[in-house]
Amino acid sequence: MSDEIKKHRFLTIEQVAEELNVSASQVRALPRTGDLRGIQVGGRNVWRIGATDVEDYISEAYKLTAEHIAAGDLPE
């Protein structure tokens, strides 16, 4: 995780998107589906994601990917 990300307890959608190298809209969908923990603060569509939750999400993604590979479920 980048040094800037490490010093913040909560990250914006944009910071998480940059860390994961995906679009902000992809990150916005993750808390709604329950794939990534987040909190909604203040006004509408203002989300914050815990830095440790991002790390947990990445770890879980690695685990699930390894399981899919072992089961032969990933396309070539």
N, C-alpha and C. Protein backbone atom coordinates (compact mmCIF):
# COMPACT_ATOMS: atom_id res chain seq x y z
N MET A 1 0.86 -1.17 0.00
CA MET A 1 0.00 0.00 0.00
C MET A 1 0.90 1.23 0.00
N SER A 2 0.50 2.24 -0.73
CA SER A 2 1.33 3.44 -0.85
C SER A 2 1.46 4.16 0.49
N ASP A 3 2.55 4.93 0.64
CA ASP A 3 2.78 5.65 1.90
C ASP A 3 1.67 6.63 2.22
N GLU A 4 1.13 7.31 1.20
CA GLU A 4 0.04 8.27 1.44
C GLU A 4 -1.18 7.56 1.99
N ILE A 5 -1.49 6.40 1.44
CA ILE A 5 -2.65 5.64 1.88
C ILE A 5 -2.44 5.15 3.31
N LYS A 6 -1.23 4.73 3.66
CA LYS A 6 -0.95 4.19 4.99
C LYS A 6 -1.22 5.19 6.11
N LYS A 7 -1.06 6.48 5.85
CA LYS A 7 -1.22 7.43 6.95
C LYS A 7 -2.65 7.89 7.17
N HIS A 8 -3.59 7.41 6.37
CA HIS A 8 -5.00 7.77 6.54
C HIS A 8 -5.78 6.57 7.04
N ARG A 9 -6.63 6.80 8.03
CA ARG A 9 -7.49 5.73 8.52
C ARG A 9 -8.60 5.43 7.52
N PHE A 10 -9.16 6.48 6.94
CA PHE A 10 -10.23 6.33 5.96
C PHE A 10 -9.81 6.93 4.64
N LEU A 11 -10.24 6.29 3.57
CA LEU A 11 -9.88 6.71 2.22
C LEU A 11 -11.14 7.10 1.45
N THR A 12 -10.95 7.98 0.49
CA THR A 12 -12.05 8.33 -0.40
C THR A 12 -12.19 7.24 -1.46
N ILE A 13 -13.30 7.29 -2.15
CA ILE A 13 -13.52 6.37 -3.27
C ILE A 13 -12.39 6.51 -4.28
N GLU A 14 -12.00 7.74 -4.56
CA GLU A 14 -10.97 7.99 -5.56
C GLU A 14 -9.62 7.43 -5.12
N GLN A 15 -9.30 7.54 -3.83
CA GLN A 15 -8.04 6.98 -3.34
C GLN A 15 -8.03 5.45 -3.45
N VAL A 16 -9.15 4.83 -3.12
CA VAL A 16 -9.24 3.38 -3.23
C VAL A 16 -9.14 2.97 -4.69
N ALA A 17 -9.82 3.69 -5.57
CA ALA A 17 -9.76 3.39 -7.00
C ALA A 17 -8.32 3.47 -7.51
N GLU A 18 -7.60 4.48 -7.08
CA GLU A 18 -6.20 4.62 -7.50
C GLU A 18 -5.37 3.46 -6.97
N GLU A 19 -5.59 3.09 -5.72
CA GLU A 19 -4.83 1.99 -5.11
C GLU A 19 -5.09 0.67 -5.83
N LEU A 20 -6.35 0.42 -6.20
CA LEU A 20 -6.72 -0.83 -6.86
C LEU A 20 -6.57 -0.76 -8.38
N ASN A 21 -6.27 0.43 -8.89
CA ASN A 21 -6.13 0.65 -10.33
C ASN A 21 -7.41 0.28 -11.09
N VAL A 22 -8.53 0.75 -10.57
CA VAL A 22 -9.84 0.56 -11.19
C VAL A 22 -10.57 1.90 -11.18
N SER A 23 -11.74 1.95 -11.77
CA SER A 23 -12.49 3.20 -11.82
C SER A 23 -13.20 3.46 -10.49
N ALA A 24 -13.50 4.72 -10.25
CA ALA A 24 -14.24 5.10 -9.04
C ALA A 24 -15.62 4.45 -9.02
N SER A 25 -16.25 4.30 -10.18
CA SER A 25 -17.58 3.68 -10.20
C SER A 25 -17.50 2.21 -9.80
N GLN A 26 -16.41 1.54 -10.14
CA GLN A 26 -16.25 0.15 -9.70
C GLN A 26 -16.11 0.09 -8.17
N VAL A 27 -15.39 1.02 -7.59
CA VAL A 27 -15.22 1.05 -6.14
C VAL A 27 -16.54 1.39 -5.46
N ARG A 28 -17.30 2.33 -6.02
CA ARG A 28 -18.60 2.70 -5.43
C ARG A 28 -19.54 1.50 -5.33
N ALA A 29 -19.43 0.58 -6.26
CA ALA A 29 -20.31 -0.59 -6.26
C ALA A 29 -19.95 -1.59 -5.16
N LEU A 30 -18.70 -1.63 -4.75
CA LEU A 30 -18.24 -2.65 -3.81
C LEU A 30 -18.91 -2.59 -2.44
N PRO A 31 -19.05 -1.43 -1.80
CA PRO A 31 -19.77 -1.43 -0.50
C PRO A 31 -21.24 -1.79 -0.66
N ARG A 32 -21.83 -1.41 -1.77
CA ARG A 32 -23.26 -1.70 -1.99
C ARG A 32 -23.51 -3.20 -2.14
N THR A 33 -22.52 -3.93 -2.70
CA THR A 33 -22.67 -5.37 -2.86
C THR A 33 -22.18 -6.14 -1.64
N GLY A 34 -21.54 -5.43 -0.70
CA GLY A 34 -21.02 -6.08 0.48
C GLY A 34 -19.63 -6.66 0.29
N ASP A 35 -19.02 -6.42 -0.86
CA ASP A 35 -17.68 -6.96 -1.13
C ASP A 35 -16.59 -6.18 -0.41
N LEU A 36 -16.84 -4.93 -0.11
CA LEU A 36 -15.85 -4.08 0.57
C LEU A 36 -16.59 -3.25 1.61
N ARG A 37 -16.11 -3.32 2.85
CA ARG A 37 -16.75 -2.53 3.91
C ARG A 37 -16.50 -1.05 3.68
N GLY A 38 -17.51 -0.25 3.94
CA GLY A 38 -17.38 1.19 3.83
C GLY A 38 -18.45 1.85 4.67
N ILE A 39 -18.28 3.14 4.89
CA ILE A 39 -19.29 3.89 5.62
C ILE A 39 -19.72 5.09 4.79
N GLN A 40 -20.98 5.40 4.89
CA GLN A 40 -21.51 6.58 4.22
C GLN A 40 -21.57 7.70 5.26
N VAL A 41 -20.93 8.81 4.94
CA VAL A 41 -20.88 9.93 5.88
C VAL A 41 -21.47 11.17 5.23
N GLY A 42 -22.01 12.02 6.05
CA GLY A 42 -22.52 13.28 5.55
C GLY A 42 -23.57 13.12 4.48
N GLY A 43 -23.37 13.86 3.41
CA GLY A 43 -24.34 13.90 2.32
C GLY A 43 -24.38 12.64 1.48
N ARG A 44 -25.21 12.73 0.51
CA ARG A 44 -25.45 11.61 -0.39
C ARG A 44 -24.18 11.24 -1.17
N ASN A 45 -23.94 9.94 -1.27
CA ASN A 45 -22.81 9.38 -2.01
C ASN A 45 -21.45 9.81 -1.51
N VAL A 46 -21.34 10.17 -0.24
CA VAL A 46 -20.04 10.45 0.36
C VAL A 46 -19.64 9.21 1.14
N TRP A 47 -18.71 8.45 0.59
CA TRP A 47 -18.28 7.20 1.18
C TRP A 47 -16.84 7.30 1.65
N ARG A 48 -16.53 6.57 2.71
CA ARG A 48 -15.16 6.42 3.17
C ARG A 48 -14.93 4.93 3.42
N ILE A 49 -13.76 4.50 3.03
CA ILE A 49 -13.38 3.10 3.16
C ILE A 49 -12.17 3.03 4.08
N GLY A 50 -12.22 2.17 5.08
CA GLY A 50 -11.08 2.01 5.99
C GLY A 50 -9.88 1.44 5.26
N ALA A 51 -8.70 1.97 5.56
CA ALA A 51 -7.47 1.48 4.91
C ALA A 51 -7.29 -0.01 5.18
N THR A 52 -7.60 -0.45 6.40
CA THR A 52 -7.47 -1.88 6.70
C THR A 52 -8.50 -2.71 5.94
N ASP A 53 -9.66 -2.10 5.66
CA ASP A 53 -10.68 -2.81 4.88
C ASP A 53 -10.22 -3.03 3.44
N VAL A 54 -9.47 -2.07 2.91
CA VAL A 54 -8.91 -2.24 1.56
C VAL A 54 -7.92 -3.40 1.58
N GLU A 55 -7.07 -3.44 2.59
CA GLU A 55 -6.10 -4.54 2.70
C GLU A 55 -6.81 -5.88 2.84
N ASP A 56 -7.87 -5.92 3.64
CA ASP A 56 -8.65 -7.16 3.81
C ASP A 56 -9.29 -7.57 2.48
N TYR A 57 -9.80 -6.61 1.74
CA TYR A 57 -10.41 -6.88 0.43
C TYR A 57 -9.39 -7.49 -0.52
N ILE A 58 -8.19 -6.93 -0.54
CA ILE A 58 -7.14 -7.44 -1.42
C ILE A 58 -6.76 -8.86 -1.02
N SER A 59 -6.60 -9.09 0.27
CA SER A 59 -6.26 -10.44 0.75
C SER A 59 -7.33 -11.46 0.36
N GLU A 60 -8.57 -11.07 0.54
CA GLU A 60 -9.69 -11.97 0.18
C GLU A 60 -9.72 -12.21 -1.33
N ALA A 61 -9.43 -11.19 -2.12
CA ALA A 61 -9.40 -11.34 -3.58
C ALA A 61 -8.31 -12.32 -4.00
N TYR A 62 -7.14 -12.24 -3.37
CA TYR A 62 -6.08 -13.20 -3.65
C TYR A 62 -6.53 -14.62 -3.31
N LYS A 63 -7.16 -14.77 -2.16
CA LYS A 63 -7.62 -16.09 -1.71
C LYS A 63 -8.65 -16.67 -2.69
N LEU A 64 -9.64 -15.86 -3.05
CA LEU A 64 -10.68 -16.33 -3.97
C LEU A 64 -10.11 -16.64 -5.34
N THR A 65 -9.18 -15.84 -5.81
CA THR A 65 -8.55 -16.09 -7.11
C THR A 65 -7.80 -17.41 -7.08
N ALA A 66 -7.04 -17.65 -6.01
CA ALA A 66 -6.31 -18.91 -5.88
C ALA A 66 -7.27 -20.10 -5.87
N GLU A 67 -8.40 -19.96 -5.18
CA GLU A 67 -9.39 -21.04 -5.16
C GLU A 67 -9.97 -21.30 -6.54
N HIS A 68 -10.26 -20.22 -7.28
CA HIS A 68 -10.79 -20.38 -8.64
C HIS A 68 -9.76 -21.03 -9.57
N ILE A 69 -8.52 -20.65 -9.42
CA ILE A 69 -7.46 -21.25 -10.24
C ILE A 69 -7.35 -22.74 -9.92
N ALA A 70 -7.33 -23.07 -8.64
CA ALA A 70 -7.21 -24.48 -8.23
C ALA A 70 -8.38 -25.31 -8.74
N ALA A 71 -9.56 -24.70 -8.80
CA ALA A 71 -10.77 -25.41 -9.26
C ALA A 71 -10.89 -25.40 -10.78
N GLY A 72 -10.00 -24.65 -11.46
CA GLY A 72 -10.08 -24.55 -12.92
C GLY A 72 -11.22 -23.69 -13.40
N ASP A 73 -11.66 -22.75 -12.58
CA ASP A 73 -12.82 -21.91 -12.90
C ASP A 73 -12.49 -20.63 -13.66
N LEU A 74 -11.22 -20.32 -13.85
CA LEU A 74 -10.87 -19.08 -14.53
C LEU A 74 -10.65 -19.34 -16.01
N PRO A 75 -11.18 -18.47 -16.87
CA PRO A 75 -10.93 -18.64 -18.31
C PRO A 75 -9.46 -18.41 -18.63
N GLU A 76 -9.01 -19.03 -19.67
CA GLU A 76 -7.60 -18.90 -20.11
C GLU A 76 -7.32 -17.51 -20.61
